[in-house]
C-alpha atoms as a PDB file:
ATOM      1  CA  MET A   1       9.897  81.730  56.385  1.00  0.00           C
ATOM      2  CA  THR A   2       9.221  81.317  59.756  1.00  0.00           C
ATOM      3  CA  THR A   3      10.352  78.804  61.711  1.00  0.00           C
ATOM      4  CA  ARG A   4       7.214  76.853  62.876  1.00  0.00           C
ATOM      5  CA  ARG A   5       6.137  77.156  59.072  1.00  0.00           C
ATOM      6  CA  GLU A   6       9.392  75.728  57.933  1.00  0.00           C
ATOM      7  CA  ALA A   7       9.648  72.654  60.542  1.00  0.00           C
ATOM      8  CA  VAL A   8       5.607  71.842  58.987  1.00  0.00           C
ATOM      9  CA  HIS A   9       7.252  71.990  55.612  1.00  0.00           C
ATOM     10  CA  ASP A  10      10.098  69.685  56.324  1.00  0.00           C
ATOM     11  CA  THR A  11       7.417  67.241  58.277  1.00  0.00           C
ATOM     12  CA  LEU A  12       5.608  67.314  54.612  1.00  0.00           C
ATOM     13  CA  ARG A  13       8.719  67.061  52.503  1.00  0.00           C
ATOM     14  CA  ARG A  14       9.861  63.731  54.445  1.00  0.00           C
ATOM     15  CA  ASN A  15       6.280  62.254  53.426  1.00  0.00           C
ATOM     16  CA  GLU A  16       5.375  61.531  49.654  1.00  0.00           C
ATOM     17  CA  GLY A  17       1.866  61.267  50.056  1.00  0.00           C
ATOM     18  CA  PHE A  18      -0.707  63.618  51.339  1.00  0.00           C
ATOM     19  CA  ARG A  19      -1.019  64.101  54.643  1.00  0.00           C
ATOM     20  CA  SER A  20      -3.969  65.864  56.744  1.00  0.00           C
ATOM     21  CA  ALA A  21      -2.997  68.763  59.273  1.00  0.00           C
ATOM     22  CA  GLN A  22      -4.053  66.547  62.039  1.00  0.00           C
ATOM     23  CA  ASP A  23      -1.266  63.884  60.642  1.00  0.00           C
ATOM     24  CA  VAL A  24       1.126  66.507  60.519  1.00  0.00           C
ATOM     25  CA  TYR A  25       0.208  67.549  63.758  1.00  0.00           C
ATOM     26  CA  ALA A  26       0.573  64.258  65.272  1.00  0.00           C
ATOM     27  CA  GLU A  27       3.719  63.659  63.437  1.00  0.00           C
ATOM     28  CA  MET A  28       5.711  66.940  64.613  1.00  0.00           C
ATOM     29  CA  ARG A  29       4.242  66.048  68.557  1.00  0.00           C
ATOM     30  CA  LEU A  30       5.767  62.561  68.271  1.00  0.00           C
ATOM     31  CA  HIS A  31       9.022  63.589  67.344  1.00  0.00           C
ATOM     32  CA  GLY A  32       9.532  66.477  70.150  1.00  0.00           C
ATOM     33  CA  ALA A  33       7.928  69.411  68.474  1.00  0.00           C
ATOM     34  CA  LYS A  34       6.004  71.865  71.031  1.00  0.00           C
ATOM     35  CA  ILE A  35       3.400  73.014  68.037  1.00  0.00           C
ATOM     36  CA  GLY A  36      -0.047  73.850  68.737  1.00  0.00           C
ATOM     37  CA  LEU A  37      -2.693  72.450  66.086  1.00  0.00           C
ATOM     38  CA  THR A  38      -3.896  76.074  65.317  1.00  0.00           C
ATOM     39  CA  THR A  39      -0.568  76.961  64.509  1.00  0.00           C
ATOM     40  CA  VAL A  40      -0.105  73.892  61.992  1.00  0.00           C
ATOM     41  CA  TYR A  41      -3.093  74.838  60.175  1.00  0.00           C
ATOM     42  CA  ARG A  42      -1.875  78.055  60.363  1.00  0.00           C
ATOM     43  CA  ALA A  43       0.957  77.431  58.546  1.00  0.00           C
ATOM     44  CA  LEU A  44      -0.218  74.662  55.945  1.00  0.00           C
ATOM     45  CA  GLN A  45      -2.758  77.822  54.995  1.00  0.00           C
ATOM     46  CA  ALA A  46       0.363  80.178  54.274  1.00  0.00           C
ATOM     47  CA  LEU A  47       1.999  77.160  52.589  1.00  0.00           C
ATOM     48  CA  ALA A  48      -0.726  76.229  50.441  1.00  0.00           C
ATOM     49  CA  ASP A  49      -0.959  80.382  49.784  1.00  0.00           C
ATOM     50  CA  ASN A  50       2.898  81.059  48.297  1.00  0.00           C
ATOM     51  CA  GLY A  51       2.592  77.677  46.240  1.00  0.00           C
ATOM     52  CA  GLN A  52       5.227  75.682  48.323  1.00  0.00           C
ATOM     53  CA  VAL A  53       2.361  72.778  49.097  1.00  0.00           C
ATOM     54  CA  ASP A  54      -0.631  71.148  47.104  1.00  0.00           C
ATOM     55  CA  VAL A  55      -3.445  70.780  48.499  1.00  0.00           C
ATOM     56  CA  LEU A  56      -6.542  68.550  47.693  1.00  0.00           C
ATOM     57  CA  ARG A  57      -9.924  68.122  49.353  1.00  0.00           C
ATOM     58  CA  THR A  58     -10.967  64.512  49.631  1.00  0.00           C
ATOM     59  CA  ASP A  59     -14.599  62.778  49.210  1.00  0.00           C
ATOM     60  CA  ASP A  60     -15.465  63.470  52.708  1.00  0.00           C
ATOM     61  CA  GLY A  61     -14.217  67.417  52.371  1.00  0.00           C
ATOM     62  CA  GLU A  62     -11.235  67.326  54.643  1.00  0.00           C
ATOM     63  CA  SER A  63      -8.312  69.219  53.418  1.00  0.00           C
ATOM     64  CA  VAL A  64      -4.988  67.426  52.746  1.00  0.00           C
ATOM     65  CA  TYR A  65      -1.789  68.408  52.127  1.00  0.00           C
ATOM     66  CA  ARG A  66       1.638  67.250  49.729  1.00  0.00           C
ATOM     67  CA  ALA A  67       5.248  69.456  49.825  1.00  0.00           C
ATOM     68  CA  CYS A  68       5.012  70.700  45.620  1.00  0.00           C
ATOM     69  CA  ALA A  69       7.421  68.547  44.097  1.00  0.00           C
ATOM     70  CA  SER A  70       7.019  71.390  41.326  1.00  0.00           C
ATOM     71  CA  ASP A  71       7.297  75.015  40.761  1.00  0.00           C
ATOM     72  CA  VAL A  72       4.884  74.729  37.888  1.00  0.00           C
ATOM     73  CA  HIS A  73       1.479  74.649  38.070  1.00  0.00           C
ATOM     74  CA  HIS A  74       0.568  71.051  37.693  1.00  0.00           C
ATOM     75  CA  HIS A  75      -2.475  68.319  38.184  1.00  0.00           C
ATOM     76  CA  HIS A  76      -2.250  65.237  40.268  1.00  0.00           C
ATOM     77  CA  LEU A  77      -3.135  61.552  39.669  1.00  0.00           C
ATOM     78  CA  VAL A  78      -3.629  60.038  43.002  1.00  0.00           C
ATOM     79  CA  CYS A  79      -4.252  56.338  44.169  1.00  0.00           C
ATOM     80  CA  ARG A  80      -7.438  55.857  45.934  1.00  0.00           C
ATOM     81  CA  LYS A  81      -5.808  53.319  47.917  1.00  0.00           C
ATOM     82  CA  CYS A  82      -2.454  53.855  48.637  1.00  0.00           C
ATOM     83  CA  GLY A  83      -2.316  57.933  48.394  1.00  0.00           C
ATOM     84  CA  ARG A  84       0.296  57.494  45.486  1.00  0.00           C
ATOM     85  CA  THR A  85       0.340  60.882  43.867  1.00  0.00           C
ATOM     86  CA  VAL A  86       2.207  61.645  40.430  1.00  0.00           C
ATOM     87  CA  GLU A  87       2.319  65.409  39.432  1.00  0.00           C
ATOM     88  CA  VAL A  88       0.838  65.715  35.773  1.00  0.00           C
ATOM     89  CA  ALA A  89       0.623  68.793  33.025  1.00  0.00           C
ATOM     90  CA  GLY A  90      -2.837  68.746  31.476  1.00  0.00           C
ATOM     91  CA  PRO A  91      -2.466  71.373  28.693  1.00  0.00           C
ATOM     92  CA  ALA A  92      -5.768  70.749  27.072  1.00  0.00           C
ATOM     93  CA  VAL A  93      -7.089  71.468  30.324  1.00  0.00           C
ATOM     94  CA  GLU A  94      -5.483  74.572  30.164  1.00  0.00           C
ATOM     95  CA  ARG A  95      -6.594  75.659  27.411  1.00  0.00           C
ATOM     96  CA  TRP A  96     -10.241  74.420  28.163  1.00  0.00           C
ATOM     97  CA  ALA A  97      -9.909  76.393  31.352  1.00  0.00           C
ATOM     98  CA  GLU A  98      -9.274  79.693  29.898  1.00  0.00           C
ATOM     99  CA  ALA A  99     -11.702  79.106  26.958  1.00  0.00           C
ATOM    100  CA  VAL A 100     -14.601  78.619  29.163  1.00  0.00           C
ATOM    101  CA  GLY A 101     -13.707  81.161  31.099  1.00  0.00           C
ATOM    102  CA  ARG A 102     -13.581  83.679  28.345  1.00  0.00           C
ATOM    103  CA  GLU A 103     -17.054  82.235  26.765  1.00  0.00           C
ATOM    104  CA  HIS A 104     -18.708  83.287  29.803  1.00  0.00           C
ATOM    105  CA  GLY A 105     -16.710  86.767  30.279  1.00  0.00           C
ATOM    106  CA  PHE A 106     -14.497  85.594  33.292  1.00  0.00           C
ATOM    107  CA  THR A 107     -11.169  86.790  33.610  1.00  0.00           C
ATOM    108  CA  GLU A 108      -8.376  85.898  36.099  1.00  0.00           C
ATOM    109  CA  ILE A 109      -9.403  82.464  35.150  1.00  0.00           C
ATOM    110  CA  THR A 110      -7.669  79.435  38.034  1.00  0.00           C
ATOM    111  CA  HIS A 111      -8.765  75.977  37.998  1.00  0.00           C
ATOM    112  CA  THR A 112      -7.770  73.050  40.399  1.00  0.00           C
ATOM    113  CA  VAL A 113      -8.196  69.407  38.688  1.00  0.00           C
ATOM    114  CA  GLU A 114      -7.266  66.215  40.446  1.00  0.00           C
ATOM    115  CA  VAL A 115      -7.798  62.461  39.325  1.00  0.00           C
ATOM    116  CA  PHE A 116      -8.335  59.892  40.946  1.00  0.00           C
ATOM    117  CA  GLY A 117      -8.223  55.716  40.198  1.00  0.00           C
ATOM    118  CA  THR A 118      -5.579  52.948  41.566  1.00  0.00           C
ATOM    119  CA  CYS A 119      -2.099  52.892  41.111  1.00  0.00           C
ATOM    120  CA  ALA A 120      -0.638  49.664  39.145  1.00  0.00           C
ATOM    121  CA  SER A 121       0.709  48.557  42.465  1.00  0.00           C
ATOM    122  CA  CYS A 122      -2.780  48.323  43.783  1.00  0.00           C
ATOM    123  CA  SER A 123      -4.203  46.876  41.065  1.00  0.00           C
ATOM    124  CA  PRO A 124      -4.500  43.439  40.702  1.00  0.00           C
ATOM    125  CA  SER A 125      -3.394  41.947  37.927  1.00  0.00           C
ATOM    126  CA  VAL A 126      -5.175  41.918  34.802  1.00  0.00           C
ATOM    127  CA  PRO A 127      -4.837  39.827  31.720  1.00  0.00           C
ATOM    128  CA  SER A 128      -4.386  42.135  28.637  1.00  0.00           C
ATOM    129  CA  ALA A 129      -7.012  42.057  26.085  1.00  0.00           C
ATOM    130  CA  ALA A 130      -4.640  40.603  23.326  1.00  0.00           C
ATOM    131  CA  ALA A 131      -3.543  37.391  25.550  1.00  0.00           C
ATOM    132  CA  SER A 132      -7.311  36.744  25.994  1.00  0.00           C
ATOM    133  CA  GLY A 133      -7.710  37.004  22.489  1.00  0.00           C
END
């Protein structure tokens, strides 16, 4: 791995949430790195291609990145408010994607599934149904 790519990867590893290329660039420059925004984009793409970072597309179409915590295929549960992310397995999704692909004559099926919601820390306390009833 190149020194610049490793520096970008290190920046992502120091943060838990997803970050835009501009955020990574700004943080690196703040800490004195002499790196261009284009180089950050290229490094992030290479890291994503190698499976070393996860990539999500936000509602406005921006790609955001996070260092992978797992080496196996996984999906994400992401808090809309704070960005907290949990890696989750989805065996039912895996089977469904393969079946739909086969049904339509597709091979080499890949997929991305991201689930968005509000984590417990960001959710207002809601009395349980059992307590109210």
